[in-house]
Amino acid sequence: MNPSPEAPLLEVHDLEVRYPLHGGRRGASTLTAVAGVSFRLDQGESLGVVGESGSGKSSLARALLRLTPAAGRALFLGHDLLRLQGEALRATREHLQIIFQDPHGALDPHLRIADIVAEPLREFPPPPPARQDEAVRRMLARVGLGAELLGRYPHQLSGGQAQRVGIARALILHPRLLICDEPMAALDVSIRAQITNLLRDMRRELGLSLLYIAHDLASVRYLCERVMVLYRGRVMELAGREALFGHAQHPYTRALLAAEPIAQPLPAAPAPSAPPASTAPPAPGDAVASPAHAAGCVFHARCPLRVARCRAETPTLRAVAGHQVACHRAGEAVEAGDSRG
């Protein structure tokens, strides 16, 4: 599994995730959580995935990890993750690891920290016990934890320590791709900065590719070269970090940026112009309120630039000023106060 340096590490085409919904006179129905998402991730690259709760971020991660059924294609190291079976799937998982949102919930409460971090080593294939112990101690040290934690259990750790253990477990196999599913969500603000810096350092040190899912836009800007914006399971915008944070093209992206003040861990980019109050992101529950396959733009009801076409025709991703944007009016010099269709 060694593709050429020019080949993308991960290439996703028309990924779709549907969950069954039971009830109603017609029986079972489905909810589309991810609707035709396509993107690529190059080797050594970091891609941020943002959007409020219900936008499909975690469903995307679960689909790539084969934790939930999905349709489409997801080529990783030249193999379609969605179609691998048996030993081929098991071998691929050695190169694809995840850090979960809940640091304590992701750790087996009945295992000591030494056994939790060593668990992947017993699967792919296990080294001799002496080398295994050495690898565990070395990895714990690399994530900033001392050997005194080896005999402890997860409930004896702070949230930051537990998340560092999760990172150590994910990285001990030296994977090619690390998926981070909102790794800061359950942590205090002071600890978030430490974990963000740790991920940055480990990525550089190990040459990792990163698929970084988050609500925290500041950490996304700090860690990621490119950013993909999801809304109701669809890609709204995909662009380089500074282009997106400085000159967002999609009204939904601008609403996200306006809703969360972002510190400047990197050289400052021009601030996006703030949209009117009516463009604020919808409440989390609204993100799945309508089916993703309905005609028209999924954001049109809240968009300050909407016209009649937006209700009738679903926009496709197209190139606008170096961005990929799913908006009929992207790139137009339109004032938010223009009349709506």
Protein backbone atom coordinates (compact mmCIF):
# COMPACT_ATOMS: atom_id res chain seq x y z
CA MET A 1 0.00 0.00 0.00
CA ASN A 2 2.45 2.60 -1.22
CA PRO A 3 0.86 4.85 -3.85
CA SER A 4 3.00 7.28 -5.80
CA PRO A 5 3.73 10.57 -4.00
CA GLU A 6 1.53 12.38 -6.54
CA ALA A 7 -1.53 10.20 -5.90
CA PRO A 8 -4.07 11.37 -3.30
CA LEU A 9 -4.05 9.42 -0.07
CA LEU A 10 -7.86 9.52 0.10
CA GLU A 11 -10.26 10.21 -2.73
CA VAL A 12 -13.98 10.26 -1.95
CA HIS A 13 -16.65 10.23 -4.67
CA ASP A 14 -20.40 10.77 -4.10
CA LEU A 15 -20.39 9.47 -0.54
CA GLU A 16 -23.89 8.97 0.83
CA VAL A 17 -25.01 7.90 4.29
CA ARG A 18 -28.65 7.15 5.11
CA TYR A 19 -30.14 6.16 8.44
CA PRO A 20 -33.42 4.24 8.72
CA LEU A 21 -36.38 6.00 10.29
CA HIS A 22 -39.23 3.78 11.41
CA GLY A 23 -42.85 4.74 11.81
CA GLY A 24 -45.57 6.40 9.82
CA ARG A 25 -48.25 4.81 7.68
CA ARG A 26 -45.81 3.70 5.01
CA GLY A 27 -43.44 1.99 7.41
CA ALA A 28 -39.67 2.44 7.25
CA SER A 29 -38.10 5.51 5.67
CA THR A 30 -34.60 6.98 5.67
CA LEU A 31 -32.81 10.16 6.62
CA THR A 32 -29.93 11.26 4.40
CA ALA A 33 -27.09 12.42 6.63
CA VAL A 34 -24.41 12.68 3.92
CA ALA A 35 -25.55 13.47 0.39
CA GLY A 36 -23.10 13.04 -2.48
CA VAL A 37 -19.95 14.36 -0.77
CA SER A 38 -16.76 14.30 -2.86
CA PHE A 39 -13.25 15.47 -1.94
CA ARG A 40 -9.61 14.43 -1.98
CA LEU A 41 -6.93 14.45 0.69
CA ASP A 42 -3.32 14.47 -0.43
CA GLN A 43 -0.51 12.68 1.36
CA GLY A 44 0.71 14.77 4.28
CA GLU A 45 -2.21 17.21 3.97
CA SER A 46 -4.63 18.34 6.67
CA LEU A 47 -8.27 18.95 5.73
CA GLY A 48 -10.70 20.56 8.15
CA VAL A 49 -14.41 19.65 8.04
CA VAL A 50 -16.74 22.21 9.64
CA GLY A 51 -20.45 22.77 10.06
CA GLU A 52 -22.87 22.80 12.96
CA SER A 53 -24.36 19.73 14.64
CA GLY A 54 -26.37 17.66 12.19
CA SER A 55 -24.37 18.70 9.13
CA GLY A 56 -23.03 15.19 8.54
CA LYS A 57 -19.46 15.56 9.82
CA SER A 58 -19.41 12.58 12.18
CA SER A 59 -21.45 10.45 9.76
CA LEU A 60 -18.75 11.13 7.17
CA ALA A 61 -16.06 9.93 9.58
CA ARG A 62 -18.02 6.83 10.58
CA ALA A 63 -18.58 5.93 6.93
CA LEU A 64 -14.86 6.13 6.14
CA LEU A 65 -14.10 3.91 9.14
CA ARG A 66 -16.80 1.41 8.08
CA LEU A 67 -18.69 2.01 11.32
CA THR A 68 -21.88 2.80 9.40
CA PRO A 69 -23.05 1.64 5.94
CA ALA A 70 -22.46 4.04 3.06
CA ALA A 71 -22.70 4.26 -0.71
CA GLY A 72 -20.27 5.81 -3.16
CA ARG A 73 -16.50 5.32 -3.33
CA ALA A 74 -13.70 6.10 -0.86
CA LEU A 75 -10.31 5.21 -2.32
CA PHE A 76 -7.65 4.97 0.40
CA LEU A 77 -4.15 3.85 -0.56
CA GLY A 78 -5.65 2.70 -3.85
CA HIS A 79 -8.37 0.52 -2.27
CA ASP A 80 -12.08 1.31 -1.92
CA LEU A 81 -12.76 1.41 1.82
CA LEU A 82 -16.47 0.85 1.27
CA ARG A 83 -15.93 -2.48 -0.48
CA LEU A 84 -13.02 -4.06 1.38
CA GLN A 85 -13.76 -7.23 3.30
CA GLY A 86 -12.02 -9.60 5.68
CA GLU A 87 -8.24 -9.49 5.89
CA ALA A 88 -7.96 -6.72 3.30
CA LEU A 89 -10.12 -4.44 5.44
CA ARG A 90 -8.23 -5.37 8.59
CA ALA A 91 -4.88 -4.61 6.97
CA THR A 92 -6.10 -1.22 5.77
CA ARG A 93 -7.26 -0.23 9.24
CA GLU A 94 -3.65 -0.34 10.41
CA HIS A 95 -3.09 2.80 8.33
CA LEU A 96 -6.34 4.55 9.29
CA GLN A 97 -6.97 5.56 12.90
CA ILE A 98 -9.35 7.87 14.78
CA ILE A 99 -9.44 10.11 17.84
CA PHE A 100 -12.93 10.33 19.34
CA GLN A 101 -14.82 13.26 20.81
CA ASP A 102 -15.30 11.86 24.34
CA PRO A 103 -11.83 11.09 25.74
CA HIS A 104 -13.02 8.98 28.68
CA GLY A 105 -15.82 7.27 26.77
CA ALA A 106 -13.33 6.11 24.13
CA LEU A 107 -11.18 4.25 26.67
CA ASP A 108 -12.05 0.86 28.14
CA PRO A 109 -12.60 1.55 31.87
CA HIS A 110 -11.49 -1.99 32.78
CA LEU A 111 -8.02 -1.73 31.19
CA ARG A 112 -4.89 -0.09 32.51
CA ILE A 113 -3.40 2.72 30.41
CA ALA A 114 -0.50 0.48 29.38
CA ASP A 115 -2.93 -2.08 27.95
CA ILE A 116 -5.09 0.55 26.22
CA VAL A 117 -2.14 2.06 24.35
CA ALA A 118 -0.71 -1.38 23.53
CA GLU A 119 -4.01 -2.79 22.26
CA PRO A 120 -3.39 -1.96 18.55
CA LEU A 121 0.07 -3.54 18.73
CA ARG A 122 -1.54 -6.89 19.54
CA GLU A 123 -3.50 -6.79 16.30
CA PHE A 124 -1.09 -5.76 13.52
CA PRO A 125 0.89 -8.07 14.34
CA PRO A 126 2.13 -8.02 17.95
CA PRO A 127 5.81 -7.35 18.61
CA PRO A 128 7.66 -9.24 21.36
CA PRO A 129 6.46 -8.15 24.84
CA ALA A 130 9.68 -6.28 25.66
CA ARG A 131 9.48 -4.24 22.45
CA GLN A 132 5.78 -3.67 23.03
CA ASP A 133 6.39 -2.19 26.48
CA GLU A 134 9.13 0.01 25.08
CA ALA A 135 6.88 1.25 22.26
CA VAL A 136 4.11 2.13 24.72
CA ARG A 137 6.45 4.06 27.02
CA ARG A 138 7.98 5.90 24.08
CA MET A 139 4.61 6.88 22.63
CA LEU A 140 3.29 8.06 25.99
CA ALA A 141 6.37 10.25 26.34
CA ARG A 142 5.81 11.67 22.84
CA VAL A 143 2.30 12.82 23.78
CA GLY A 144 3.53 14.35 27.04
CA LEU A 145 2.62 11.64 29.56
CA GLY A 146 4.91 9.97 32.08
CA ALA A 147 5.43 6.29 32.79
CA GLU A 148 3.70 6.71 36.17
CA LEU A 149 0.38 6.56 34.34
CA LEU A 150 0.96 3.08 32.92
CA GLY A 151 -0.75 1.29 35.81
CA ARG A 152 -3.68 3.69 36.16
CA TYR A 153 -7.22 3.33 34.83
CA PRO A 154 -9.11 5.88 32.71
CA HIS A 155 -11.23 7.20 35.60
CA GLN A 156 -8.01 8.26 37.32
CA LEU A 157 -7.08 10.62 34.48
CA SER A 158 -8.09 14.18 33.70
CA GLY A 159 -9.86 14.91 30.42
CA GLY A 160 -6.67 16.19 28.84
CA GLN A 161 -4.69 13.14 29.98
CA ALA A 162 -7.38 10.80 28.67
CA GLN A 163 -7.34 12.50 25.27
CA ARG A 164 -3.55 12.23 25.15
CA VAL A 165 -3.89 8.50 25.84
CA GLY A 166 -6.38 8.27 22.96
CA ILE A 167 -3.90 10.05 20.69
CA ALA A 168 -1.10 7.73 21.79
CA ARG A 169 -3.25 4.67 21.06
CA ALA A 170 -4.16 6.02 17.61
CA LEU A 171 -0.57 6.88 16.68
CA ILE A 172 1.29 3.87 18.04
CA LEU A 173 0.84 2.05 14.71
CA HIS A 174 2.15 5.12 12.81
CA PRO A 175 -0.95 5.38 10.58
CA ARG A 176 -1.03 7.24 7.28
CA LEU A 177 -4.32 9.01 8.04
CA LEU A 178 -5.65 10.22 11.38
CA ILE A 179 -9.33 11.15 11.62
CA CYS A 180 -10.13 13.52 14.49
CA ASP A 181 -13.85 13.62 15.29
CA GLU A 182 -14.26 16.80 17.34
CA PRO A 183 -11.35 15.96 19.69
CA MET A 184 -11.65 19.27 21.61
CA ALA A 185 -15.40 19.25 22.24
CA ALA A 186 -15.25 17.76 25.76
CA LEU A 187 -12.12 19.62 26.92
CA ASP A 188 -11.61 22.85 28.84
CA VAL A 189 -10.41 25.82 26.83
CA SER A 190 -6.92 25.75 28.39
CA ILE A 191 -6.54 22.05 27.58
CA ARG A 192 -7.75 22.55 24.00
CA ALA A 193 -4.72 24.69 23.21
CA GLN A 194 -2.39 21.99 24.52
CA ILE A 195 -4.05 19.22 22.50
CA THR A 196 -4.12 21.39 19.37
CA ASN A 197 -0.39 22.01 19.66
CA LEU A 198 0.21 18.32 20.30
CA LEU A 199 -1.68 17.33 17.14
CA ARG A 200 0.26 19.89 15.12
CA ASP A 201 3.60 18.64 16.44
CA MET A 202 2.77 14.96 16.00
CA ARG A 203 1.52 15.56 12.48
CA ARG A 204 4.78 17.23 11.50
CA GLU A 205 6.90 14.66 13.30
CA LEU A 206 5.16 11.60 11.84
CA GLY A 207 4.18 12.99 8.43
CA LEU A 208 0.49 12.35 9.09
CA SER A 209 -2.44 13.24 6.90
CA LEU A 210 -5.27 14.67 8.97
CA LEU A 211 -9.03 14.73 8.48
CA TYR A 212 -9.97 17.14 11.24
CA ILE A 213 -13.67 17.48 12.13
CA ALA A 214 -14.53 20.33 14.48
CA HIS A 215 -16.86 23.10 15.59
CA ASP A 216 -13.87 25.07 16.85
CA LEU A 217 -12.93 27.23 13.87
CA ALA A 218 -9.77 28.58 15.52
CA SER A 219 -8.24 25.10 15.81
CA VAL A 220 -9.25 24.34 12.22
CA ARG A 221 -7.47 27.45 11.01
CA TYR A 222 -4.41 26.51 13.05
CA LEU A 223 -4.16 22.89 11.95
CA CYS A 224 -5.57 22.64 8.43
CA GLU A 225 -4.37 23.71 4.98
CA ARG A 226 -7.82 23.32 3.43
CA VAL A 227 -11.35 23.53 4.81
CA MET A 228 -14.58 21.84 3.69
CA VAL A 229 -17.91 23.28 4.86
CA LEU A 230 -20.88 20.92 5.23
CA TYR A 231 -24.55 21.82 5.68
CA ARG A 232 -27.32 19.21 5.85
CA GLY A 233 -25.03 16.57 4.41
CA ARG A 234 -23.83 18.59 1.40
CA VAL A 235 -20.59 20.41 0.64
CA MET A 236 -21.24 24.14 0.58
CA GLU A 237 -17.66 25.30 0.09
CA LEU A 238 -14.15 23.87 -0.20
CA ALA A 239 -11.09 26.10 -0.27
CA GLY A 240 -7.64 26.76 1.11
CA ARG A 241 -7.48 27.93 4.71
CA GLU A 242 -6.62 31.58 4.21
CA ALA A 243 -8.88 31.91 1.17
CA LEU A 244 -11.85 30.54 3.08
CA PHE A 245 -11.31 32.45 6.31
CA GLY A 246 -10.44 35.66 4.50
CA HIS A 247 -12.80 35.62 1.52
CA ALA A 248 -15.58 33.06 2.09
CA GLN A 249 -17.80 32.77 -0.99
CA HIS A 250 -20.83 30.88 0.32
CA PRO A 251 -23.41 32.72 2.48
CA TYR A 252 -23.48 29.80 4.92
CA THR A 253 -19.70 29.90 5.37
CA ARG A 254 -19.86 33.63 6.04
CA ALA A 255 -22.60 33.00 8.62
CA LEU A 256 -20.45 30.42 10.40
CA LEU A 257 -17.48 32.79 10.52
CA ALA A 258 -19.61 35.68 11.76
CA ALA A 259 -21.18 33.53 14.48
CA GLU A 260 -17.87 32.56 16.12
CA PRO A 261 -15.14 35.14 16.74
CA ILE A 262 -11.83 33.53 15.82
CA ALA A 263 -8.54 34.19 17.54
CA GLN A 264 -5.55 34.70 15.28
CA PRO A 265 -3.09 31.82 15.89
CA LEU A 266 -1.81 32.44 12.35
CA PRO A 267 -0.97 35.67 10.49
CA ALA A 268 -4.16 37.67 10.27
CA ALA A 269 -6.30 37.35 7.16
CA PRO A 270 -8.79 40.01 6.04
CA ALA A 271 -11.94 39.66 8.12
CA PRO A 272 -15.01 38.41 6.24
CA SER A 273 -17.79 40.93 5.95
CA ALA A 274 -20.49 40.17 8.49
CA PRO A 275 -23.85 39.07 7.06
CA PRO A 276 -27.11 40.41 8.46
CA ALA A 277 -28.68 38.79 11.50
CA SER A 278 -31.02 36.69 9.32
CA THR A 279 -28.07 34.65 8.05
CA ALA A 280 -27.07 33.26 11.44
CA PRO A 281 -26.61 29.47 11.33
CA PRO A 282 -29.74 27.47 12.09
CA ALA A 283 -30.23 25.73 15.39
CA PRO A 284 -28.63 22.25 15.49
CA GLY A 285 -31.98 20.49 15.21
CA ASP A 286 -32.77 22.33 11.98
CA ALA A 287 -29.78 20.78 10.25
CA VAL A 288 -31.66 17.56 9.54
CA ALA A 289 -35.17 18.95 9.35
CA SER A 290 -35.60 18.54 5.59
CA PRO A 291 -34.52 15.67 3.33
CA ALA A 292 -31.16 16.24 1.62
CA HIS A 293 -32.55 15.00 -1.71
CA ALA A 294 -35.22 17.74 -1.98
CA ALA A 295 -34.98 20.10 -4.94
CA GLY A 296 -33.28 23.44 -4.52
CA CYS A 297 -30.45 24.65 -2.32
CA VAL A 298 -30.67 23.25 1.21
CA PHE A 299 -29.69 26.66 2.60
CA HIS A 300 -32.08 28.78 0.56
CA ALA A 301 -34.66 29.37 3.31
CA ARG A 302 -32.06 31.19 5.42
CA CYS A 303 -29.97 32.75 2.68
CA PRO A 304 -29.95 36.56 2.28
CA LEU A 305 -29.08 36.23 -1.43
CA ARG A 306 -31.73 33.71 -2.43
CA VAL A 307 -33.68 34.07 -5.67
CA ALA A 308 -36.39 31.90 -7.21
CA ARG A 309 -33.80 29.65 -8.82
CA CYS A 310 -32.43 28.70 -5.40
CA ARG A 311 -35.72 27.08 -4.42
CA ALA A 312 -36.04 25.08 -7.61
CA GLU A 313 -32.53 24.04 -8.63
CA THR A 314 -29.87 22.32 -6.53
CA PRO A 315 -26.49 24.06 -7.01
CA THR A 316 -23.45 21.96 -7.85
CA LEU A 317 -19.90 22.68 -6.75
CA ARG A 318 -18.18 25.01 -9.17
CA ALA A 319 -14.94 26.96 -9.21
CA VAL A 320 -15.29 30.56 -8.01
CA ALA A 321 -12.22 32.70 -7.22
CA GLY A 322 -10.16 29.62 -6.37
CA HIS A 323 -12.89 28.09 -4.17
CA GLN A 324 -15.28 25.25 -4.89
CA VAL A 325 -18.72 26.63 -4.04
CA ALA A 326 -22.24 25.19 -4.24
CA CYS A 327 -24.12 28.46 -4.71
CA HIS A 328 -25.92 29.87 -7.75
CA ARG A 329 -24.89 33.40 -6.82
CA ALA A 330 -21.33 32.82 -5.63
CA GLY A 331 -18.96 35.37 -7.08
CA GLU A 332 -21.65 37.96 -7.75
CA ALA A 333 -21.28 41.47 -6.37
CA VAL A 334 -24.63 41.28 -4.58
CA GLU A 335 -25.55 43.23 -1.48
CA ALA A 336 -27.28 41.30 1.28
CA GLY A 337 -30.13 43.77 1.15
CA ASP A 338 -31.11 42.98 -2.45
CA SER A 339 -34.67 41.82 -3.02
CA ARG A 340 -35.31 38.10 -2.59
CA GLY A 341 -37.11 35.81 -4.98
